[in-house]
Amino acid sequence: MATSKKKNAPFTGKVGNTVTYLLNGQWVKRTIGKNDGPPTVLQLATRMMLSLLANLFKPVKGLINVGFALQAKNTTKNAHNIATIENKLVALKGNYPNLEINYPGVIFSKGTMPVNPEMEVSIMGTGLIFTWDAELLMKGMHPSDRVIMIAYCPEKKYAFYEVDGARREEGSDYLPLLRYRESVIIHTYAAFISANKKNISTTVYTGEFLW
């Protein structure tokens, strides 16, 4: 049953094969219904793609909420939706049914702040040290920006990350990791976010390590 509490406001609820509701301050109307036919190859490929990305994001839910919050603002989508849309374009390789994650292409944040292509990562003791040019200040950068550091381990389906690291002006920061009994591959990424959380850079891939 559809209802409307305000004059001139859209009806909310189900009407025929559509449903209307308010999401993030915007009205959304969707078609509903059941498809009894067998799935097409395109549908199967889409399901596989979404499953791969959903599993990719599981260890970094908090990071995704920070990394795509600005992109999701004032839209009907949440941060996870935006992350999925953006990574569909860059984080997958191969063709169905041989789709897989392209880790160097993955992004855990997206924004308008300039990236730091000179960012470097190296193993130090029981973790990783991230270094960058503290004197590099392009338009949109600020000395008080905070570094975001990520170390993703596909084999363990786990990630180590910090979303409020050292200030840009410090030039480096350290991300501690856990040691596993066997050696594993970790993929590393970095980004910067402004101190007031109103600006962020797109993630930069900073290399693969045997840990």
N, C-alpha and C. Protein backbone atom coordinates (compact mmCIF):
# COMPACT_ATOMS: atom_id res chain seq x y z
N MET A 1 0.84 -1.19 0.00
CA MET A 1 0.00 0.00 0.00
C MET A 1 0.87 1.24 0.00
N ALA A 2 0.57 2.22 -0.86
CA ALA A 2 1.34 3.45 -0.93
C ALA A 2 0.70 4.51 -0.05
N THR A 3 1.53 5.32 0.57
CA THR A 3 1.06 6.40 1.43
C THR A 3 1.82 7.67 1.15
N SER A 4 1.22 8.81 1.50
CA SER A 4 1.88 10.09 1.37
C SER A 4 1.50 10.95 2.56
N LYS A 5 2.51 11.40 3.32
CA LYS A 5 2.25 12.18 4.52
C LYS A 5 2.19 13.68 4.24
N LYS A 6 2.76 14.12 3.12
CA LYS A 6 2.78 15.54 2.78
C LYS A 6 2.10 15.79 1.45
N LYS A 7 1.47 16.95 1.35
CA LYS A 7 0.87 17.34 0.09
C LYS A 7 2.00 17.54 -0.93
N ASN A 8 1.83 17.05 -2.12
CA ASN A 8 2.81 17.14 -3.20
C ASN A 8 4.01 16.22 -3.01
N ALA A 9 4.06 15.44 -1.91
CA ALA A 9 5.17 14.49 -1.71
C ALA A 9 4.86 13.21 -2.48
N PRO A 10 5.86 12.52 -2.99
CA PRO A 10 5.61 11.25 -3.71
C PRO A 10 5.00 10.22 -2.77
N PHE A 11 4.23 9.30 -3.37
CA PHE A 11 3.72 8.19 -2.59
C PHE A 11 4.86 7.26 -2.21
N THR A 12 4.81 6.74 -0.99
CA THR A 12 5.82 5.78 -0.56
C THR A 12 5.17 4.41 -0.46
N GLY A 13 5.93 3.38 -0.85
CA GLY A 13 5.40 2.04 -0.79
C GLY A 13 5.32 1.42 -2.16
N LYS A 14 4.55 0.35 -2.27
CA LYS A 14 4.46 -0.42 -3.50
C LYS A 14 3.24 -0.04 -4.31
N VAL A 15 3.47 0.20 -5.59
CA VAL A 15 2.38 0.45 -6.53
C VAL A 15 2.68 -0.39 -7.76
N GLY A 16 1.85 -1.40 -8.01
CA GLY A 16 2.10 -2.30 -9.13
C GLY A 16 3.42 -3.03 -8.95
N ASN A 17 4.28 -2.90 -9.96
CA ASN A 17 5.59 -3.57 -9.87
C ASN A 17 6.71 -2.59 -9.53
N THR A 18 6.35 -1.47 -8.89
CA THR A 18 7.36 -0.51 -8.46
C THR A 18 7.21 -0.21 -6.97
N VAL A 19 8.31 0.21 -6.35
CA VAL A 19 8.29 0.62 -4.95
C VAL A 19 9.03 1.94 -4.84
N THR A 20 8.47 2.87 -4.06
CA THR A 20 9.05 4.20 -3.90
C THR A 20 9.35 4.45 -2.43
N TYR A 21 10.53 5.00 -2.15
CA TYR A 21 10.92 5.27 -0.76
C TYR A 21 11.94 6.39 -0.73
N LEU A 22 12.13 6.95 0.49
CA LEU A 22 13.09 8.03 0.69
C LEU A 22 14.41 7.45 1.17
N LEU A 23 15.52 7.80 0.48
CA LEU A 23 16.84 7.29 0.83
C LEU A 23 17.83 8.45 0.81
N ASN A 24 18.46 8.68 1.97
CA ASN A 24 19.45 9.76 2.09
C ASN A 24 18.91 11.10 1.60
N GLY A 25 17.63 11.35 1.90
CA GLY A 25 17.03 12.63 1.53
C GLY A 25 16.56 12.73 0.10
N GLN A 26 16.65 11.63 -0.66
CA GLN A 26 16.22 11.64 -2.05
C GLN A 26 15.21 10.53 -2.30
N TRP A 27 14.25 10.83 -3.18
CA TRP A 27 13.24 9.83 -3.49
C TRP A 27 13.77 8.83 -4.51
N VAL A 28 13.54 7.56 -4.23
CA VAL A 28 14.00 6.48 -5.09
C VAL A 28 12.80 5.64 -5.51
N LYS A 29 12.75 5.32 -6.80
CA LYS A 29 11.69 4.47 -7.33
C LYS A 29 12.33 3.30 -8.06
N ARG A 30 11.99 2.08 -7.65
CA ARG A 30 12.60 0.89 -8.24
C ARG A 30 11.53 -0.07 -8.75
N THR A 31 11.90 -0.77 -9.78
CA THR A 31 11.04 -1.82 -10.31
C THR A 31 11.33 -3.12 -9.58
N ILE A 32 10.29 -3.83 -9.20
CA ILE A 32 10.45 -5.09 -8.50
C ILE A 32 9.77 -6.20 -9.29
N GLY A 33 10.15 -7.42 -8.98
CA GLY A 33 9.55 -8.54 -9.69
C GLY A 33 10.48 -9.73 -9.71
N LYS A 34 9.99 -10.85 -10.10
CA LYS A 34 10.75 -12.09 -10.11
C LYS A 34 10.98 -12.54 -11.54
N ASN A 35 12.25 -12.91 -11.84
CA ASN A 35 12.59 -13.43 -13.15
C ASN A 35 12.73 -14.95 -13.04
N ASP A 36 11.81 -15.67 -13.68
CA ASP A 36 11.80 -17.13 -13.56
C ASP A 36 12.70 -17.80 -14.59
N GLY A 37 13.25 -17.04 -15.52
CA GLY A 37 14.08 -17.63 -16.56
C GLY A 37 15.49 -17.91 -16.06
N PRO A 38 16.24 -18.73 -16.78
CA PRO A 38 17.64 -19.01 -16.38
C PRO A 38 18.49 -17.75 -16.51
N PRO A 39 19.48 -17.57 -15.66
CA PRO A 39 20.32 -16.37 -15.73
C PRO A 39 21.14 -16.35 -17.02
N THR A 40 21.33 -15.16 -17.54
CA THR A 40 22.15 -15.00 -18.73
C THR A 40 23.63 -15.01 -18.34
N VAL A 41 24.51 -15.12 -19.31
CA VAL A 41 25.94 -15.07 -19.04
C VAL A 41 26.31 -13.73 -18.41
N LEU A 42 25.69 -12.67 -18.89
CA LEU A 42 25.95 -11.34 -18.33
C LEU A 42 25.54 -11.28 -16.86
N GLN A 43 24.39 -11.87 -16.54
CA GLN A 43 23.93 -11.88 -15.15
C GLN A 43 24.87 -12.70 -14.27
N LEU A 44 25.34 -13.84 -14.78
CA LEU A 44 26.27 -14.67 -14.02
C LEU A 44 27.60 -13.95 -13.81
N ALA A 45 28.06 -13.25 -14.84
CA ALA A 45 29.31 -12.50 -14.73
C ALA A 45 29.17 -11.39 -13.71
N THR A 46 28.02 -10.73 -13.71
CA THR A 46 27.78 -9.65 -12.76
C THR A 46 27.74 -10.18 -11.33
N ARG A 47 27.10 -11.31 -11.14
CA ARG A 47 27.04 -11.91 -9.80
C ARG A 47 28.44 -12.29 -9.31
N MET A 48 29.25 -12.84 -10.19
CA MET A 48 30.60 -13.23 -9.81
C MET A 48 31.43 -12.00 -9.46
N MET A 49 31.29 -10.96 -10.27
CA MET A 49 32.01 -9.72 -10.04
C MET A 49 31.64 -9.11 -8.69
N LEU A 50 30.36 -9.05 -8.40
CA LEU A 50 29.90 -8.49 -7.13
C LEU A 50 30.35 -9.33 -5.95
N SER A 51 30.38 -10.65 -6.12
CA SER A 51 30.84 -11.53 -5.06
C SER A 51 32.32 -11.32 -4.77
N LEU A 52 33.13 -11.19 -5.83
CA LEU A 52 34.56 -10.96 -5.66
C LEU A 52 34.82 -9.65 -4.93
N LEU A 53 34.11 -8.61 -5.31
CA LEU A 53 34.31 -7.30 -4.67
C LEU A 53 33.80 -7.30 -3.24
N ALA A 54 32.69 -7.98 -2.99
CA ALA A 54 32.16 -8.05 -1.62
C ALA A 54 33.16 -8.73 -0.70
N ASN A 55 33.76 -9.81 -1.17
CA ASN A 55 34.77 -10.51 -0.36
C ASN A 55 36.03 -9.67 -0.19
N LEU A 56 36.38 -8.90 -1.21
CA LEU A 56 37.53 -8.01 -1.13
C LEU A 56 37.34 -6.97 -0.03
N PHE A 57 36.13 -6.46 0.08
CA PHE A 57 35.86 -5.36 1.02
C PHE A 57 35.62 -5.82 2.47
N LYS A 58 35.34 -7.11 2.67
CA LYS A 58 35.01 -7.58 4.02
C LYS A 58 36.04 -7.21 5.08
N PRO A 59 37.35 -7.35 4.83
CA PRO A 59 38.32 -7.03 5.88
C PRO A 59 38.54 -5.52 6.08
N VAL A 60 37.95 -4.70 5.20
CA VAL A 60 38.25 -3.26 5.26
C VAL A 60 36.97 -2.41 5.28
N LYS A 61 35.95 -2.89 5.97
CA LYS A 61 34.68 -2.16 5.99
C LYS A 61 34.84 -0.74 6.53
N GLY A 62 35.61 -0.62 7.62
CA GLY A 62 35.82 0.70 8.19
C GLY A 62 36.56 1.62 7.25
N LEU A 63 37.52 1.07 6.55
CA LEU A 63 38.30 1.84 5.57
C LEU A 63 37.41 2.30 4.42
N ILE A 64 36.57 1.42 3.92
CA ILE A 64 35.66 1.77 2.82
C ILE A 64 34.73 2.91 3.23
N ASN A 65 34.25 2.86 4.46
CA ASN A 65 33.35 3.91 4.94
C ASN A 65 34.03 5.28 4.97
N VAL A 66 35.32 5.28 5.24
CA VAL A 66 36.08 6.53 5.24
C VAL A 66 36.46 6.92 3.81
N GLY A 67 36.95 5.95 3.05
CA GLY A 67 37.51 6.23 1.74
C GLY A 67 36.52 6.69 0.69
N PHE A 68 35.24 6.31 0.84
CA PHE A 68 34.25 6.68 -0.17
C PHE A 68 33.09 7.50 0.41
N ALA A 69 33.25 7.97 1.64
CA ALA A 69 32.19 8.75 2.28
C ALA A 69 31.87 10.02 1.51
N LEU A 70 32.89 10.70 1.03
CA LEU A 70 32.68 11.96 0.32
C LEU A 70 32.02 11.72 -1.03
N GLN A 71 32.37 10.63 -1.69
CA GLN A 71 31.76 10.31 -2.98
C GLN A 71 30.28 9.96 -2.82
N ALA A 72 29.94 9.37 -1.67
CA ALA A 72 28.56 8.95 -1.44
C ALA A 72 27.68 10.08 -0.92
N LYS A 73 28.29 11.16 -0.44
CA LYS A 73 27.53 12.25 0.16
C LYS A 73 26.55 12.86 -0.85
N ASN A 74 25.34 13.12 -0.39
CA ASN A 74 24.28 13.72 -1.20
C ASN A 74 23.86 12.85 -2.39
N THR A 75 24.03 11.55 -2.26
CA THR A 75 23.54 10.62 -3.27
C THR A 75 22.64 9.59 -2.58
N THR A 76 22.04 8.73 -3.36
CA THR A 76 21.21 7.66 -2.79
C THR A 76 22.04 6.41 -2.53
N LYS A 77 23.36 6.49 -2.74
CA LYS A 77 24.24 5.34 -2.55
C LYS A 77 25.06 5.49 -1.28
N ASN A 78 25.47 4.35 -0.71
CA ASN A 78 26.35 4.40 0.45
C ASN A 78 27.80 4.18 -0.01
N ALA A 79 28.72 4.28 0.95
CA ALA A 79 30.14 4.17 0.61
C ALA A 79 30.47 2.84 -0.05
N HIS A 80 29.85 1.76 0.42
CA HIS A 80 30.11 0.44 -0.16
C HIS A 80 29.63 0.38 -1.61
N ASN A 81 28.47 0.98 -1.89
CA ASN A 81 27.97 1.02 -3.27
C ASN A 81 28.96 1.73 -4.18
N ILE A 82 29.46 2.87 -3.72
CA ILE A 82 30.40 3.66 -4.51
C ILE A 82 31.70 2.88 -4.74
N ALA A 83 32.18 2.24 -3.67
CA ALA A 83 33.41 1.45 -3.78
C ALA A 83 33.26 0.35 -4.83
N THR A 84 32.10 -0.28 -4.85
CA THR A 84 31.83 -1.34 -5.82
C THR A 84 31.82 -0.79 -7.24
N ILE A 85 31.13 0.32 -7.44
CA ILE A 85 31.04 0.94 -8.76
C ILE A 85 32.43 1.33 -9.27
N GLU A 86 33.22 1.97 -8.42
CA GLU A 86 34.54 2.42 -8.83
C GLU A 86 35.49 1.25 -9.11
N ASN A 87 35.42 0.22 -8.30
CA ASN A 87 36.36 -0.90 -8.45
C ASN A 87 35.96 -1.86 -9.56
N LYS A 88 34.70 -1.82 -9.98
CA LYS A 88 34.31 -2.63 -11.13
C LYS A 88 35.13 -2.25 -12.36
N LEU A 89 35.55 -1.00 -12.41
CA LEU A 89 36.26 -0.48 -13.58
C LEU A 89 37.75 -0.76 -13.55
N VAL A 90 38.31 -0.94 -12.34
CA VAL A 90 39.78 -1.00 -12.23
C VAL A 90 40.33 -2.22 -11.49
N ALA A 91 39.50 -2.89 -10.72
CA ALA A 91 40.01 -3.91 -9.80
C ALA A 91 39.75 -5.35 -10.23
N LEU A 92 39.28 -5.54 -11.45
CA LEU A 92 39.00 -6.89 -11.92
C LEU A 92 39.75 -7.17 -13.22
N LYS A 93 40.13 -8.42 -13.40
CA LYS A 93 40.77 -8.81 -14.65
C LYS A 93 40.27 -10.18 -15.07
N GLY A 94 40.40 -10.46 -16.37
CA GLY A 94 39.92 -11.72 -16.90
C GLY A 94 38.49 -11.62 -17.39
N ASN A 95 38.01 -12.72 -17.90
CA ASN A 95 36.63 -12.81 -18.40
C ASN A 95 35.91 -13.93 -17.67
N TYR A 96 34.60 -13.77 -17.51
CA TYR A 96 33.80 -14.80 -16.86
C TYR A 96 33.96 -16.11 -17.61
N PRO A 97 34.16 -17.26 -16.95
CA PRO A 97 34.13 -17.45 -15.49
C PRO A 97 35.50 -17.36 -14.81
N ASN A 98 36.44 -16.69 -15.45
CA ASN A 98 37.80 -16.61 -14.93
C ASN A 98 38.13 -15.21 -14.41
N LEU A 99 37.16 -14.56 -13.84
CA LEU A 99 37.39 -13.23 -13.26
C LEU A 99 38.20 -13.37 -11.97
N GLU A 100 39.07 -12.40 -11.71
CA GLU A 100 39.80 -12.36 -10.46
C GLU A 100 40.17 -10.92 -10.12
N ILE A 101 40.59 -10.71 -8.87
CA ILE A 101 40.95 -9.38 -8.41
C ILE A 101 42.30 -8.97 -8.97
N ASN A 102 42.37 -7.77 -9.50
CA ASN A 102 43.62 -7.16 -9.96
C ASN A 102 44.09 -6.22 -8.84
N TYR A 103 44.88 -6.74 -7.92
CA TYR A 103 45.22 -5.98 -6.71
C TYR A 103 45.91 -4.64 -6.97
N PRO A 104 46.80 -4.52 -7.95
CA PRO A 104 47.39 -3.20 -8.19
C PRO A 104 46.37 -2.15 -8.64
N GLY A 105 45.23 -2.61 -9.14
CA GLY A 105 44.21 -1.68 -9.62
C GLY A 105 43.19 -1.29 -8.57
N VAL A 106 43.19 -1.99 -7.44
CA VAL A 106 42.18 -1.73 -6.39
C VAL A 106 42.36 -0.32 -5.81
N ILE A 107 41.25 0.35 -5.56
CA ILE A 107 41.29 1.62 -4.84
C ILE A 107 40.40 1.51 -3.61
N PHE A 108 40.91 1.99 -2.48
CA PHE A 108 40.16 1.97 -1.23
C PHE A 108 39.68 3.37 -0.84
N SER A 109 39.94 4.33 -1.70
CA SER A 109 39.45 5.69 -1.50
C SER A 109 39.45 6.39 -2.84
N LYS A 110 38.62 7.41 -2.96
CA LYS A 110 38.63 8.23 -4.17
C LYS A 110 38.25 9.65 -3.81
N GLY A 111 39.03 10.59 -4.35
CA GLY A 111 38.75 11.99 -4.07
C GLY A 111 39.50 12.91 -4.99
N THR A 112 39.42 14.20 -4.71
CA THR A 112 40.01 15.22 -5.58
C THR A 112 41.37 15.70 -5.11
N MET A 113 41.77 15.32 -3.91
CA MET A 113 43.10 15.72 -3.43
C MET A 113 44.16 15.06 -4.31
N PRO A 114 45.20 15.80 -4.72
CA PRO A 114 46.25 15.20 -5.55
C PRO A 114 46.90 14.01 -4.85
N VAL A 115 47.29 13.02 -5.65
CA VAL A 115 47.94 11.83 -5.10
C VAL A 115 49.43 12.09 -4.92
N ASN A 116 50.09 11.19 -4.20
CA ASN A 116 51.54 11.27 -4.00
C ASN A 116 52.21 10.10 -4.74
N PRO A 117 52.55 10.28 -6.01
CA PRO A 117 53.13 9.18 -6.78
C PRO A 117 54.51 8.76 -6.29
N GLU A 118 55.16 9.62 -5.49
CA GLU A 118 56.50 9.30 -4.99
C GLU A 118 56.47 8.47 -3.71
N MET A 119 55.29 8.14 -3.22
CA MET A 119 55.15 7.36 -2.00
C MET A 119 55.92 6.04 -2.11
N GLU A 120 56.69 5.70 -1.09
CA GLU A 120 57.44 4.45 -1.06
C GLU A 120 57.15 3.68 0.21
N VAL A 121 57.25 2.35 0.12
CA VAL A 121 57.01 1.48 1.27
C VAL A 121 58.15 0.48 1.36
N SER A 122 58.60 0.18 2.55
CA SER A 122 59.64 -0.83 2.75
C SER A 122 59.39 -1.56 4.06
N ILE A 123 59.91 -2.77 4.15
CA ILE A 123 59.77 -3.56 5.38
C ILE A 123 60.77 -3.06 6.40
N MET A 124 60.29 -2.87 7.62
CA MET A 124 61.17 -2.47 8.72
C MET A 124 60.72 -3.20 9.99
N GLY A 125 61.54 -4.11 10.47
CA GLY A 125 61.20 -4.83 11.69
C GLY A 125 59.94 -5.63 11.54
N THR A 126 58.96 -5.35 12.40
CA THR A 126 57.70 -6.10 12.39
C THR A 126 56.58 -5.33 11.71
N GLY A 127 56.94 -4.55 10.71
CA GLY A 127 55.92 -3.81 10.00
C GLY A 127 56.45 -3.15 8.75
N LEU A 128 55.75 -2.14 8.29
CA LEU A 128 56.08 -1.42 7.07
C LEU A 128 56.26 0.06 7.38
N ILE A 129 57.23 0.68 6.72
CA ILE A 129 57.39 2.11 6.85
C ILE A 129 57.00 2.76 5.52
N PHE A 130 56.11 3.73 5.59
CA PHE A 130 55.65 4.48 4.43
C PHE A 130 56.36 5.83 4.45
N THR A 131 56.96 6.20 3.34
CA THR A 131 57.66 7.49 3.26
C THR A 131 57.19 8.26 2.04
N TRP A 132 57.22 9.59 2.16
CA TRP A 132 56.78 10.46 1.08
C TRP A 132 57.51 11.80 1.19
N ASP A 133 57.40 12.61 0.16
CA ASP A 133 58.04 13.91 0.12
C ASP A 133 57.21 14.91 0.92
N ALA A 134 57.66 15.23 2.13
CA ALA A 134 56.90 16.14 3.00
C ALA A 134 56.86 17.56 2.46
N GLU A 135 57.77 17.90 1.55
CA GLU A 135 57.82 19.25 1.01
C GLU A 135 56.95 19.42 -0.24
N LEU A 136 56.42 18.31 -0.74
CA LEU A 136 55.54 18.38 -1.91
C LEU A 136 54.17 18.88 -1.48
N LEU A 137 53.82 20.08 -1.89
CA LEU A 137 52.53 20.67 -1.53
C LEU A 137 51.88 21.28 -2.77
N MET A 138 51.10 20.48 -3.45
CA MET A 138 50.34 20.96 -4.60
C MET A 138 49.00 21.51 -4.14
N LYS A 139 48.30 22.18 -5.01
CA LYS A 139 47.00 22.73 -4.68
C LYS A 139 46.08 21.62 -4.20
N GLY A 140 45.47 21.80 -3.05
CA GLY A 140 44.59 20.78 -2.49
C GLY A 140 45.26 19.98 -1.39
N MET A 141 46.59 20.11 -1.25
CA MET A 141 47.33 19.45 -0.18
C MET A 141 47.56 20.42 0.97
N HIS A 142 47.72 19.87 2.18
CA HIS A 142 47.98 20.69 3.36
C HIS A 142 48.92 19.93 4.29
N PRO A 143 49.83 20.62 4.98
CA PRO A 143 50.75 19.93 5.89
C PRO A 143 50.07 19.08 6.96
N SER A 144 48.82 19.44 7.31
CA SER A 144 48.12 18.71 8.37
C SER A 144 47.34 17.50 7.87
N ASP A 145 47.35 17.26 6.55
CA ASP A 145 46.69 16.06 6.01
C ASP A 145 47.24 14.82 6.69
N ARG A 146 46.40 13.82 6.87
CA ARG A 146 46.80 12.57 7.51
C ARG A 146 46.96 11.45 6.50
N VAL A 147 47.99 10.64 6.70
CA VAL A 147 48.22 9.53 5.79
C VAL A 147 47.31 8.35 6.12
N ILE A 148 46.85 7.67 5.08
CA ILE A 148 46.10 6.42 5.20
C ILE A 148 47.01 5.31 4.68
N MET A 149 47.26 4.29 5.47
CA MET A 149 48.15 3.19 5.08
C MET A 149 47.39 1.87 5.10
N ILE A 150 47.61 1.06 4.07
CA ILE A 150 46.91 -0.23 3.95
C ILE A 150 47.88 -1.32 3.56
N ALA A 151 47.78 -2.47 4.22
CA ALA A 151 48.51 -3.68 3.83
C ALA A 151 47.48 -4.80 3.74
N TYR A 152 47.23 -5.29 2.53
CA TYR A 152 46.15 -6.26 2.29
C TYR A 152 46.75 -7.63 2.00
N CYS A 153 46.26 -8.65 2.72
CA CYS A 153 46.75 -10.02 2.57
C CYS A 153 45.63 -10.93 2.04
N PRO A 154 45.58 -11.17 0.74
CA PRO A 154 44.51 -12.00 0.17
C PRO A 154 44.48 -13.42 0.73
N GLU A 155 45.65 -14.01 0.96
CA GLU A 155 45.69 -15.40 1.42
C GLU A 155 45.01 -15.58 2.78
N LYS A 156 45.13 -14.58 3.63
CA LYS A 156 44.53 -14.64 4.96
C LYS A 156 43.18 -13.92 5.03
N LYS A 157 42.79 -13.31 3.93
CA LYS A 157 41.54 -12.54 3.88
C LYS A 157 41.51 -11.53 5.03
N TYR A 158 42.65 -10.84 5.15
CA TYR A 158 42.81 -9.90 6.26
C TYR A 158 43.57 -8.67 5.76
N ALA A 159 43.36 -7.56 6.45
CA ALA A 159 44.07 -6.34 6.10
C ALA A 159 44.46 -5.57 7.35
N PHE A 160 45.62 -4.95 7.28
CA PHE A 160 46.08 -4.04 8.32
C PHE A 160 45.97 -2.64 7.74
N TYR A 161 45.37 -1.73 8.47
CA TYR A 161 45.28 -0.37 7.93
C TYR A 161 45.15 0.67 9.03
N GLU A 162 45.49 1.88 8.66
CA GLU A 162 45.40 3.04 9.54
C GLU A 162 44.81 4.19 8.74
N VAL A 163 43.69 4.75 9.22
CA VAL A 163 43.02 5.82 8.48
C VAL A 163 43.31 7.20 9.05
N ASP A 164 44.07 7.27 10.13
CA ASP A 164 44.38 8.56 10.75
C ASP A 164 45.84 8.56 11.18
N GLY A 165 46.72 8.38 10.19
CA GLY A 165 48.14 8.26 10.48
C GLY A 165 48.85 9.58 10.68
N ALA A 166 50.14 9.57 10.40
CA ALA A 166 50.98 10.76 10.61
C ALA A 166 50.56 11.91 9.70
N ARG A 167 50.94 13.13 10.09
CA ARG A 167 50.66 14.30 9.26
C ARG A 167 51.56 14.30 8.03
N ARG A 168 51.08 14.89 6.97
CA ARG A 168 51.84 14.98 5.73
C ARG A 168 53.22 15.58 5.97
N GLU A 169 53.29 16.60 6.81
CA GLU A 169 54.54 17.32 7.06
C GLU A 169 55.59 16.46 7.76
N GLU A 170 55.19 15.29 8.30
CA GLU A 170 56.14 14.42 8.99
C GLU A 170 56.95 13.56 8.03
N GLY A 171 56.43 13.28 6.86
CA GLY A 171 57.20 12.58 5.84
C GLY A 171 57.26 11.06 5.93
N SER A 172 56.78 10.47 7.01
CA SER A 172 56.81 9.01 7.12
C SER A 172 55.89 8.55 8.24
N ASP A 173 55.53 7.26 8.18
CA ASP A 173 54.76 6.64 9.25
C ASP A 173 54.97 5.14 9.19
N TYR A 174 54.65 4.49 10.30
CA TYR A 174 54.91 3.06 10.45
C TYR A 174 53.61 2.31 10.66
N LEU A 175 53.45 1.20 9.93
CA LEU A 175 52.26 0.36 10.05
C LEU A 175 52.68 -1.02 10.56
N PRO A 176 52.38 -1.34 11.83
CA PRO A 176 52.76 -2.67 12.37
C PRO A 176 51.90 -3.77 11.78
N LEU A 177 52.51 -4.94 11.58
CA LEU A 177 51.81 -6.10 11.04
C LEU A 177 52.00 -7.30 11.97
N LEU A 178 51.14 -8.29 11.80
CA LEU A 178 51.31 -9.56 12.50
C LEU A 178 52.15 -10.49 11.65
N ARG A 179 52.94 -11.33 12.28
CA ARG A 179 53.71 -12.33 11.57
C ARG A 179 52.91 -13.63 11.48
N TYR A 180 52.87 -14.23 10.30
CA TYR A 180 52.23 -15.52 10.12
C TYR A 180 53.29 -16.62 10.13
N ARG A 181 52.87 -17.84 10.37
CA ARG A 181 53.82 -18.96 10.39
C ARG A 181 54.47 -19.17 9.04
N GLU A 182 53.69 -18.97 7.99
CA GLU A 182 54.22 -19.13 6.65
C GLU A 182 54.29 -17.74 5.98
N SER A 183 55.12 -17.64 4.97
CA SER A 183 55.23 -16.38 4.24
C SER A 183 53.97 -16.14 3.40
N VAL A 184 53.56 -14.89 3.33
CA VAL A 184 52.37 -14.52 2.57
C VAL A 184 52.67 -13.28 1.74
N ILE A 185 51.87 -13.08 0.70
CA ILE A 185 51.98 -11.88 -0.13
C ILE A 185 51.07 -10.80 0.46
N ILE A 186 51.60 -9.61 0.58
CA ILE A 186 50.78 -8.47 0.99
C ILE A 186 50.87 -7.38 -0.08
N HIS A 187 49.75 -6.74 -0.32
CA HIS A 187 49.67 -5.63 -1.26
C HIS A 187 49.49 -4.35 -0.45
N THR A 188 50.23 -3.32 -0.80
CA THR A 188 50.19 -2.09 0.00
C THR A 188 49.64 -0.91 -0.80
N TYR A 189 49.00 -0.02 -0.07
CA TYR A 189 48.35 1.15 -0.67
C TYR A 189 48.48 2.32 0.29
N ALA A 190 48.33 3.53 -0.25
CA ALA A 190 48.36 4.71 0.60
C ALA A 190 47.48 5.81 0.01
N ALA A 191 47.06 6.71 0.87
CA ALA A 191 46.28 7.87 0.46
C ALA A 191 46.44 8.93 1.55
N PHE A 192 45.89 10.11 1.31
CA PHE A 192 45.87 11.16 2.33
C PHE A 192 44.45 11.69 2.49
N ILE A 193 44.12 12.08 3.71
CA ILE A 193 42.81 12.67 4.01
C ILE A 193 43.05 13.93 4.82
N SER A 194 42.26 14.95 4.54
CA SER A 194 42.44 16.22 5.25
C SER A 194 42.07 16.07 6.72
N ALA A 195 42.60 16.94 7.55
CA ALA A 195 42.35 16.87 8.99
C ALA A 195 40.87 17.01 9.32
N ASN A 196 40.14 17.78 8.50
CA ASN A 196 38.70 17.96 8.76
C ASN A 196 37.84 16.93 8.04
N LYS A 197 38.47 15.97 7.36
CA LYS A 197 37.80 14.85 6.67
C LYS A 197 36.93 15.33 5.50
N LYS A 198 37.19 16.53 4.98
CA LYS A 198 36.39 17.05 3.88
C LYS A 198 37.06 16.90 2.52
N ASN A 199 38.24 16.31 2.50
CA ASN A 199 38.94 16.08 1.25
C ASN A 199 39.80 14.82 1.39
N ILE A 200 39.95 14.10 0.31
CA ILE A 200 40.71 12.84 0.36
C ILE A 200 41.31 12.59 -1.01
N SER A 201 42.40 11.84 -1.05
CA SER A 201 43.01 11.48 -2.34
C SER A 201 42.59 10.07 -2.73
N THR A 202 42.74 9.78 -4.00
CA THR A 202 42.51 8.42 -4.48
C THR A 202 43.69 7.55 -4.05
N THR A 203 43.40 6.31 -3.72
CA THR A 203 44.44 5.38 -3.27
C THR A 203 45.53 5.21 -4.32
N VAL A 204 46.77 5.13 -3.85
CA VAL A 204 47.92 4.81 -4.70
C VAL A 204 48.43 3.42 -4.31
N TYR A 205 48.67 2.57 -5.30
CA TYR A 205 49.25 1.25 -5.05
C TYR A 205 50.74 1.43 -4.82
N THR A 206 51.25 0.89 -3.70
CA THR A 206 52.66 1.12 -3.34
C THR A 206 53.50 -0.15 -3.34
N GLY A 207 52.98 -1.22 -3.90
CA GLY A 207 53.81 -2.39 -4.09
C GLY A 207 53.38 -3.65 -3.39
N GLU A 208 54.00 -4.74 -3.81
CA GLU A 208 53.74 -6.08 -3.27
C GLU A 208 54.97 -6.57 -2.52
N PHE A 209 54.72 -7.21 -1.36
CA PHE A 209 55.82 -7.70 -0.54
C PHE A 209 55.57 -9.13 -0.10
N LEU A 210 56.65 -9.86 0.09
CA LEU A 210 56.58 -11.19 0.69
C LEU A 210 56.81 -11.00 2.18
N TRP A 211 55.80 -11.36 2.98
CA TRP A 211 55.85 -11.09 4.43
C TRP A 211 55.85 -12.39 5.22
